Amino acid sequence: MTTVYSHGTLATLMAGNLGGTISLGELLQHGSMGLGTFDGFDGEVVVLDGEVYQADRTGTVHHVTDPTVTLPFATVHFPGSHQQPVQLLATSKEFVEDKLTETFNLTNVFAAVRLAGNFDQVKVRVAPKQQRPYPTLLEATKHQPVFEQTHVSGTLLGYYAPDIFGTVTAAGWHLHFISDDRQFAGHVLAFTGGELTGELEVFDSLEQHFPITDQEFRQGRVDLANVKAGIHAAEG
């Protein structure tokens, strides 16, 4: 069995439930690779080989070792024996995403990818930390800082989710990037580059974890009629 672990839901983030509901220490019991955001929608989190990094609103990357910090939303997994090798030319983010989806027939499954190489250009955005009372996710993402680097080596990692799960997590591809020198990271908006190599893994199980002791989560109300459009605008 191959399992991807998801804490919280993107739909509840849309409703403004941005407070942390799982500790980093507990999250790492479920995976050594993944992504997410910290309490208050504070930056972009990259989990790589069990090490945790946070890109903050200034573009600074922090190596996070405190197991008590919390996250409202995260996806992680332990890479397993079912990984498949990937090698391709990264002409654009859209090309890589379409190529992976088609080559590995991902339309109706969850999958993770990790790709390393030298990039001509990488553009990322970083979630700015919010204060209570929290705004909706759409409001919080209207003024996100964007950063760009050229001629940078690093790693792309992230997940693919089927459209039908688009309120649980981001439907399609959700990718983060971190440079080899750990000085540049964020949620990927665009990239171009040369040859990328790595692994892709398809999961046969989704473990969805809900923070049932958190009253904000329990009492949150989600406008499902507008949530998909809002998620698309916030994630783009």
C-alpha atoms as a PDB file:
ATOM      1  CA  MET A   1       0.000   0.000   0.000  1.00  0.00           C
ATOM      2  CA  THR A   2       1.202   3.512  -0.857  1.00  0.00           C
ATOM      3  CA  THR A   3      -0.357   6.309   1.179  1.00  0.00           C
ATOM      4  CA  VAL A   4      -0.411  10.091   0.986  1.00  0.00           C
ATOM      5  CA  TYR A   5      -1.362  11.901   4.206  1.00  0.00           C
ATOM      6  CA  SER A   6      -3.356  15.127   4.086  1.00  0.00           C
ATOM      7  CA  HIS A   7      -4.111  17.321   7.114  1.00  0.00           C
ATOM      8  CA  GLY A   8      -6.912  19.870   6.960  1.00  0.00           C
ATOM      9  CA  THR A   9      -8.662  20.815   3.746  1.00  0.00           C
ATOM     10  CA  LEU A  10      -8.201  23.542   1.189  1.00  0.00           C
ATOM     11  CA  ALA A  11     -11.898  24.365   1.415  1.00  0.00           C
ATOM     12  CA  THR A  12     -11.619  25.266   5.100  1.00  0.00           C
ATOM     13  CA  LEU A  13      -8.603  27.460   4.330  1.00  0.00           C
ATOM     14  CA  MET A  14     -10.822  29.223   1.802  1.00  0.00           C
ATOM     15  CA  ALA A  15     -13.235  29.941   4.651  1.00  0.00           C
ATOM     16  CA  GLY A  16     -10.453  31.581   6.678  1.00  0.00           C
ATOM     17  CA  ASN A  17      -9.560  28.761   9.069  1.00  0.00           C
ATOM     18  CA  LEU A  18      -5.861  29.597   8.958  1.00  0.00           C
ATOM     19  CA  GLY A  19      -4.879  28.689  12.511  1.00  0.00           C
ATOM     20  CA  GLY A  20      -2.512  25.774  13.051  1.00  0.00           C
ATOM     21  CA  THR A  21      -4.198  22.479  13.937  1.00  0.00           C
ATOM     22  CA  ILE A  22      -1.374  19.911  13.825  1.00  0.00           C
ATOM     23  CA  SER A  23       2.127  20.118  15.267  1.00  0.00           C
ATOM     24  CA  LEU A  24       5.115  19.696  13.002  1.00  0.00           C
ATOM     25  CA  GLY A  25       6.300  16.818  15.157  1.00  0.00           C
ATOM     26  CA  GLU A  26       3.051  14.930  14.625  1.00  0.00           C
ATOM     27  CA  LEU A  27       3.003  15.706  10.906  1.00  0.00           C
ATOM     28  CA  LEU A  28       6.494  14.262  10.411  1.00  0.00           C
ATOM     29  CA  GLN A  29       5.284  10.940  11.793  1.00  0.00           C
ATOM     30  CA  HIS A  30       3.339  10.624   8.543  1.00  0.00           C
ATOM     31  CA  GLY A  31       5.925  11.645   5.988  1.00  0.00           C
ATOM     32  CA  SER A  32       9.446  12.808   5.200  1.00  0.00           C
ATOM     33  CA  MET A  33       8.524  14.695   2.034  1.00  0.00           C
ATOM     34  CA  GLY A  34       5.752  17.189   1.460  1.00  0.00           C
ATOM     35  CA  LEU A  35       4.460  20.727   1.562  1.00  0.00           C
ATOM     36  CA  GLY A  36       2.112  23.003   3.478  1.00  0.00           C
ATOM     37  CA  THR A  37       1.911  26.312   5.344  1.00  0.00           C
ATOM     38  CA  PHE A  38       2.364  27.350   8.972  1.00  0.00           C
ATOM     39  CA  ASP A  39      -0.049  28.844  11.519  1.00  0.00           C
ATOM     40  CA  GLY A  40      -1.702  31.984  10.180  1.00  0.00           C
ATOM     41  CA  PHE A  41      -0.910  31.074   6.569  1.00  0.00           C
ATOM     42  CA  ASP A  42       2.710  31.879   7.359  1.00  0.00           C
ATOM     43  CA  GLY A  43       4.822  31.153   4.304  1.00  0.00           C
ATOM     44  CA  GLU A  44       5.460  28.131   2.123  1.00  0.00           C
ATOM     45  CA  VAL A  45       6.662  24.907   3.737  1.00  0.00           C
ATOM     46  CA  VAL A  46       8.904  22.351   2.039  1.00  0.00           C
ATOM     47  CA  VAL A  47       9.606  18.988   3.670  1.00  0.00           C
ATOM     48  CA  LEU A  48      12.540  17.276   2.008  1.00  0.00           C
ATOM     49  CA  ASP A  49      14.258  14.150   3.346  1.00  0.00           C
ATOM     50  CA  GLY A  50      12.748  14.800   6.766  1.00  0.00           C
ATOM     51  CA  GLU A  51      14.111  18.359   6.941  1.00  0.00           C
ATOM     52  CA  VAL A  52      11.649  21.251   7.060  1.00  0.00           C
ATOM     53  CA  TYR A  53      12.091  24.629   5.399  1.00  0.00           C
ATOM     54  CA  GLN A  54       9.887  27.721   5.390  1.00  0.00           C
ATOM     55  CA  ALA A  55       9.995  30.565   2.892  1.00  0.00           C
ATOM     56  CA  ASP A  56       8.551  33.670   4.560  1.00  0.00           C
ATOM     57  CA  ARG A  57       6.982  36.805   3.087  1.00  0.00           C
ATOM     58  CA  THR A  58      10.395  38.475   2.698  1.00  0.00           C
ATOM     59  CA  GLY A  59      11.702  35.587   0.608  1.00  0.00           C
ATOM     60  CA  THR A  60      13.975  34.382   3.417  1.00  0.00           C
ATOM     61  CA  VAL A  61      14.221  30.617   3.854  1.00  0.00           C
ATOM     62  CA  HIS A  62      14.339  29.189   7.392  1.00  0.00           C
ATOM     63  CA  HIS A  63      15.382  25.705   8.476  1.00  0.00           C
ATOM     64  CA  VAL A  64      12.630  24.811  10.959  1.00  0.00           C
ATOM     65  CA  THR A  65      13.471  22.359  13.750  1.00  0.00           C
ATOM     66  CA  ASP A  66      10.864  23.241  16.399  1.00  0.00           C
ATOM     67  CA  PRO A  67       8.420  20.286  16.542  1.00  0.00           C
ATOM     68  CA  THR A  68       5.790  22.365  18.362  1.00  0.00           C
ATOM     69  CA  VAL A  69       5.064  24.817  15.533  1.00  0.00           C
ATOM     70  CA  THR A  70       1.691  24.154  13.955  1.00  0.00           C
ATOM     71  CA  LEU A  71       0.183  23.963  10.493  1.00  0.00           C
ATOM     72  CA  PRO A  72      -3.428  24.341   9.314  1.00  0.00           C
ATOM     73  CA  PHE A  73      -2.837  22.463   6.072  1.00  0.00           C
ATOM     74  CA  ALA A  74      -0.176  20.047   4.823  1.00  0.00           C
ATOM     75  CA  THR A  75       0.390  17.025   2.610  1.00  0.00           C
ATOM     76  CA  VAL A  76       3.210  14.534   3.250  1.00  0.00           C
ATOM     77  CA  HIS A  77       4.276  10.982   2.491  1.00  0.00           C
ATOM     78  CA  PHE A  78       7.152   8.557   2.923  1.00  0.00           C
ATOM     79  CA  PRO A  79       8.705   7.770  -0.463  1.00  0.00           C
ATOM     80  CA  GLY A  80       8.368   4.040  -1.070  1.00  0.00           C
ATOM     81  CA  SER A  81       9.460   1.222  -3.315  1.00  0.00           C
ATOM     82  CA  HIS A  82       6.917   2.051  -6.035  1.00  0.00           C
ATOM     83  CA  GLN A  83       8.682   5.173  -7.273  1.00  0.00           C
ATOM     84  CA  GLN A  84       9.123   5.411 -11.037  1.00  0.00           C
ATOM     85  CA  PRO A  85      12.071   7.215 -12.630  1.00  0.00           C
ATOM     86  CA  VAL A  86      11.451  10.491 -14.442  1.00  0.00           C
ATOM     87  CA  GLN A  87      13.725  12.249 -16.923  1.00  0.00           C
ATOM     88  CA  LEU A  88      12.576  15.144 -19.084  1.00  0.00           C
ATOM     89  CA  LEU A  89      13.373  18.582 -20.437  1.00  0.00           C
ATOM     90  CA  ALA A  90      11.679  21.395 -18.531  1.00  0.00           C
ATOM     91  CA  THR A  91      10.664  23.768 -21.301  1.00  0.00           C
ATOM     92  CA  SER A  92       7.934  25.183 -19.052  1.00  0.00           C
ATOM     93  CA  LYS A  93       5.886  24.427 -15.953  1.00  0.00           C
ATOM     94  CA  GLU A  94       2.842  23.686 -18.097  1.00  0.00           C
ATOM     95  CA  PHE A  95       4.801  21.280 -20.302  1.00  0.00           C
ATOM     96  CA  VAL A  96       6.177  19.344 -17.337  1.00  0.00           C
ATOM     97  CA  GLU A  97       2.782  19.089 -15.654  1.00  0.00           C
ATOM     98  CA  ASP A  98       1.015  17.968 -18.836  1.00  0.00           C
ATOM     99  CA  LYS A  99       3.792  15.518 -19.699  1.00  0.00           C
ATOM    100  CA  LEU A 100       3.760  13.885 -16.269  1.00  0.00           C
ATOM    101  CA  THR A 101      -0.029  13.649 -16.211  1.00  0.00           C
ATOM    102  CA  GLU A 102      -0.173  12.051 -19.657  1.00  0.00           C
ATOM    103  CA  THR A 103       2.866   9.770 -19.378  1.00  0.00           C
ATOM    104  CA  PHE A 104       1.856   8.305 -16.030  1.00  0.00           C
ATOM    105  CA  ASN A 105      -1.913   8.355 -16.643  1.00  0.00           C
ATOM    106  CA  LEU A 106      -2.654  10.372 -13.511  1.00  0.00           C
ATOM    107  CA  THR A 107      -6.133  11.778 -14.204  1.00  0.00           C
ATOM    108  CA  ASN A 108      -7.922   9.757 -11.516  1.00  0.00           C
ATOM    109  CA  VAL A 109      -5.149   9.132  -8.961  1.00  0.00           C
ATOM    110  CA  PHE A 110      -3.012  10.904  -6.386  1.00  0.00           C
ATOM    111  CA  ALA A 111       0.705  11.130  -7.134  1.00  0.00           C
ATOM    112  CA  ALA A 112       3.881  12.783  -5.842  1.00  0.00           C
ATOM    113  CA  VAL A 113       6.861  13.987  -7.818  1.00  0.00           C
ATOM    114  CA  ARG A 114      10.378  15.051  -6.941  1.00  0.00           C
ATOM    115  CA  LEU A 115      12.536  16.515  -9.714  1.00  0.00           C
ATOM    116  CA  ALA A 116      16.015  18.004  -9.436  1.00  0.00           C
ATOM    117  CA  GLY A 117      18.071  19.910 -11.968  1.00  0.00           C
ATOM    118  CA  ASN A 118      19.363  23.231 -13.191  1.00  0.00           C
ATOM    119  CA  PHE A 119      16.671  25.772 -13.986  1.00  0.00           C
ATOM    120  CA  ASP A 120      16.954  28.744 -16.314  1.00  0.00           C
ATOM    121  CA  GLN A 121      14.272  30.585 -14.361  1.00  0.00           C
ATOM    122  CA  VAL A 122      11.989  29.886 -11.400  1.00  0.00           C
ATOM    123  CA  LYS A 123       9.194  32.186 -10.218  1.00  0.00           C
ATOM    124  CA  VAL A 124       7.535  31.550  -6.845  1.00  0.00           C
ATOM    125  CA  ARG A 125       5.065  33.243  -4.555  1.00  0.00           C
ATOM    126  CA  VAL A 126       4.981  33.134  -0.760  1.00  0.00           C
ATOM    127  CA  ALA A 127       1.909  33.263   1.474  1.00  0.00           C
ATOM    128  CA  PRO A 128       2.091  36.312   3.781  1.00  0.00           C
ATOM    129  CA  LYS A 129       1.327  35.624   7.453  1.00  0.00           C
ATOM    130  CA  GLN A 130      -2.157  36.723   8.504  1.00  0.00           C
ATOM    131  CA  GLN A 131      -3.446  38.004  11.844  1.00  0.00           C
ATOM    132  CA  ARG A 132      -6.721  37.238  13.592  1.00  0.00           C
ATOM    133  CA  PRO A 133      -9.488  37.702  12.747  1.00  0.00           C
ATOM    134  CA  TYR A 134      -8.327  35.786   9.695  1.00  0.00           C
ATOM    135  CA  PRO A 135      -9.493  36.780   6.222  1.00  0.00           C
ATOM    136  CA  THR A 136     -10.589  34.221   3.653  1.00  0.00           C
ATOM    137  CA  LEU A 137      -7.827  32.505   1.718  1.00  0.00           C
ATOM    138  CA  LEU A 138      -8.771  34.466  -1.387  1.00  0.00           C
ATOM    139  CA  GLU A 139      -8.337  37.764   0.446  1.00  0.00           C
ATOM    140  CA  ALA A 140      -5.074  36.590   1.995  1.00  0.00           C
ATOM    141  CA  THR A 141      -3.581  35.726  -1.391  1.00  0.00           C
ATOM    142  CA  LYS A 142      -4.435  38.977  -3.182  1.00  0.00           C
ATOM    143  CA  HIS A 143      -1.152  40.626  -2.245  1.00  0.00           C
ATOM    144  CA  GLN A 144       1.311  37.755  -2.141  1.00  0.00           C
ATOM    145  CA  PRO A 145       4.960  38.639  -2.717  1.00  0.00           C
ATOM    146  CA  VAL A 146       6.517  37.064  -5.814  1.00  0.00           C
ATOM    147  CA  PHE A 147      10.202  36.164  -6.156  1.00  0.00           C
ATOM    148  CA  GLU A 148      12.237  35.023  -9.133  1.00  0.00           C
ATOM    149  CA  GLN A 149      15.691  33.584  -9.691  1.00  0.00           C
ATOM    150  CA  THR A 150      17.575  32.703 -12.842  1.00  0.00           C
ATOM    151  CA  HIS A 151      20.190  30.003 -13.349  1.00  0.00           C
ATOM    152  CA  VAL A 152      19.358  28.209 -10.105  1.00  0.00           C
ATOM    153  CA  SER A 153      19.777  24.539  -9.202  1.00  0.00           C
ATOM    154  CA  GLY A 154      17.234  22.934  -6.949  1.00  0.00           C
ATOM    155  CA  THR A 155      14.335  20.578  -6.411  1.00  0.00           C
ATOM    156  CA  LEU A 156      10.691  20.647  -7.416  1.00  0.00           C
ATOM    157  CA  LEU A 157       8.381  18.621  -5.225  1.00  0.00           C
ATOM    158  CA  GLY A 158       4.657  18.343  -4.989  1.00  0.00           C
ATOM    159  CA  TYR A 159       1.457  16.455  -5.582  1.00  0.00           C
ATOM    160  CA  TYR A 160      -1.153  15.712  -8.189  1.00  0.00           C
ATOM    161  CA  ALA A 161      -4.791  15.307  -7.108  1.00  0.00           C
ATOM    162  CA  PRO A 162      -7.849  14.382  -9.211  1.00  0.00           C
ATOM    163  CA  ASP A 163     -10.416  17.095  -9.907  1.00  0.00           C
ATOM    164  CA  ILE A 164     -13.006  15.315  -7.771  1.00  0.00           C
ATOM    165  CA  PHE A 165     -10.871  16.031  -4.669  1.00  0.00           C
ATOM    166  CA  GLY A 166     -10.461  19.714  -5.512  1.00  0.00           C
ATOM    167  CA  THR A 167     -11.937  20.977  -2.235  1.00  0.00           C
ATOM    168  CA  VAL A 168      -9.768  18.683  -0.110  1.00  0.00           C
ATOM    169  CA  THR A 169      -6.541  19.796  -1.739  1.00  0.00           C
ATOM    170  CA  ALA A 170      -5.465  21.640  -4.870  1.00  0.00           C
ATOM    171  CA  ALA A 171      -6.758  19.751  -7.912  1.00  0.00           C
ATOM    172  CA  GLY A 172      -4.109  19.062 -10.521  1.00  0.00           C
ATOM    173  CA  TRP A 173      -0.520  19.861  -9.674  1.00  0.00           C
ATOM    174  CA  HIS A 174       0.599  21.719  -6.533  1.00  0.00           C
ATOM    175  CA  LEU A 175       4.368  22.287  -6.632  1.00  0.00           C
ATOM    176  CA  HIS A 176       6.910  23.899  -4.333  1.00  0.00           C
ATOM    177  CA  PHE A 177      10.575  24.604  -5.098  1.00  0.00           C
ATOM    178  CA  ILE A 178      13.705  24.855  -2.989  1.00  0.00           C
ATOM    179  CA  SER A 179      17.178  25.688  -4.217  1.00  0.00           C
ATOM    180  CA  ASP A 180      20.170  23.490  -3.470  1.00  0.00           C
ATOM    181  CA  ASP A 181      21.694  26.220  -1.315  1.00  0.00           C
ATOM    182  CA  ARG A 182      18.390  26.464   0.647  1.00  0.00           C
ATOM    183  CA  GLN A 183      18.227  30.221   0.070  1.00  0.00           C
ATOM    184  CA  PHE A 184      15.257  30.362  -2.327  1.00  0.00           C
ATOM    185  CA  ALA A 185      11.909  28.580  -2.051  1.00  0.00           C
ATOM    186  CA  GLY A 186       8.172  28.965  -2.506  1.00  0.00           C
ATOM    187  CA  HIS A 187       4.986  27.932  -4.262  1.00  0.00           C
ATOM    188  CA  VAL A 188       5.818  27.532  -7.955  1.00  0.00           C
ATOM    189  CA  LEU A 189       4.180  29.889 -10.432  1.00  0.00           C
ATOM    190  CA  ALA A 190       6.449  29.254 -13.422  1.00  0.00           C
ATOM    191  CA  PHE A 191       9.761  27.748 -14.420  1.00  0.00           C
ATOM    192  CA  THR A 192      11.927  26.880 -17.381  1.00  0.00           C
ATOM    193  CA  GLY A 193      15.072  24.823 -17.362  1.00  0.00           C
ATOM    194  CA  GLY A 194      17.156  22.053 -18.728  1.00  0.00           C
ATOM    195  CA  GLU A 195      17.132  18.351 -17.965  1.00  0.00           C
ATOM    196  CA  LEU A 196      15.268  17.289 -14.825  1.00  0.00           C
ATOM    197  CA  THR A 197      15.598  13.900 -13.174  1.00  0.00           C
ATOM    198  CA  GLY A 198      13.800  12.325 -10.273  1.00  0.00           C
ATOM    199  CA  GLU A 199      10.936  10.061  -9.252  1.00  0.00           C
ATOM    200  CA  LEU A 200       7.167   9.915  -9.403  1.00  0.00           C
ATOM    201  CA  GLU A 201       5.012   7.802  -7.122  1.00  0.00           C
ATOM    202  CA  VAL A 202       1.318   6.942  -7.495  1.00  0.00           C
ATOM    203  CA  PHE A 203      -0.697   6.351  -4.323  1.00  0.00           C
ATOM    204  CA  ASP A 204      -3.449   3.811  -3.843  1.00  0.00           C
ATOM    205  CA  SER A 205      -4.607   5.349  -0.550  1.00  0.00           C
ATOM    206  CA  LEU A 206      -5.392   8.837   0.746  1.00  0.00           C
ATOM    207  CA  GLU A 207      -5.324   9.322   4.515  1.00  0.00           C
ATOM    208  CA  GLN A 208      -7.359  12.451   5.209  1.00  0.00           C
ATOM    209  CA  HIS A 209      -6.882  13.827   8.715  1.00  0.00           C
ATOM    210  CA  PHE A 210      -9.370  16.260  10.264  1.00  0.00           C
ATOM    211  CA  PRO A 211      -8.575  18.435  13.336  1.00  0.00           C
ATOM    212  CA  ILE A 212     -11.736  17.437  15.177  1.00  0.00           C
ATOM    213  CA  THR A 213     -10.708  19.051  18.484  1.00  0.00           C
ATOM    214  CA  ASP A 214     -10.339  22.478  16.873  1.00  0.00           C
ATOM    215  CA  GLN A 215     -13.590  24.408  17.278  1.00  0.00           C
ATOM    216  CA  GLU A 216     -12.858  26.882  14.485  1.00  0.00           C
ATOM    217  CA  PHE A 217     -12.546  23.951  12.113  1.00  0.00           C
ATOM    218  CA  ARG A 218     -15.681  22.290  13.477  1.00  0.00           C
ATOM    219  CA  GLN A 219     -17.761  25.451  13.218  1.00  0.00           C
ATOM    220  CA  GLY A 220     -16.396  26.727   9.916  1.00  0.00           C
ATOM    221  CA  ARG A 221     -18.801  27.312   7.047  1.00  0.00           C
ATOM    222  CA  VAL A 222     -17.717  26.808   3.447  1.00  0.00           C
ATOM    223  CA  ASP A 223     -19.537  28.376   0.498  1.00  0.00           C
ATOM    224  CA  LEU A 224     -19.249  25.419  -1.868  1.00  0.00           C
ATOM    225  CA  ALA A 225     -20.892  27.342  -4.688  1.00  0.00           C
ATOM    226  CA  ASN A 226     -17.863  29.643  -4.927  1.00  0.00           C
ATOM    227  CA  VAL A 227     -15.088  27.570  -3.417  1.00  0.00           C
ATOM    228  CA  LYS A 228     -13.686  26.103  -6.652  1.00  0.00           C
ATOM    229  CA  ALA A 229     -13.384  29.482  -8.331  1.00  0.00           C
ATOM    230  CA  GLY A 230     -11.797  30.858  -5.189  1.00  0.00           C
ATOM    231  CA  ILE A 231      -9.288  28.023  -4.932  1.00  0.00           C
ATOM    232  CA  HIS A 232      -8.310  28.476  -8.571  1.00  0.00           C
ATOM    233  CA  ALA A 233      -7.736  32.199  -8.017  1.00  0.00           C
ATOM    234  CA  ALA A 234      -5.778  31.633  -4.795  1.00  0.00           C
ATOM    235  CA  GLU A 235      -3.593  28.801  -6.113  1.00  0.00           C
ATOM    236  CA  GLY A 236      -2.801  30.305  -9.513  1.00  0.00           C
END
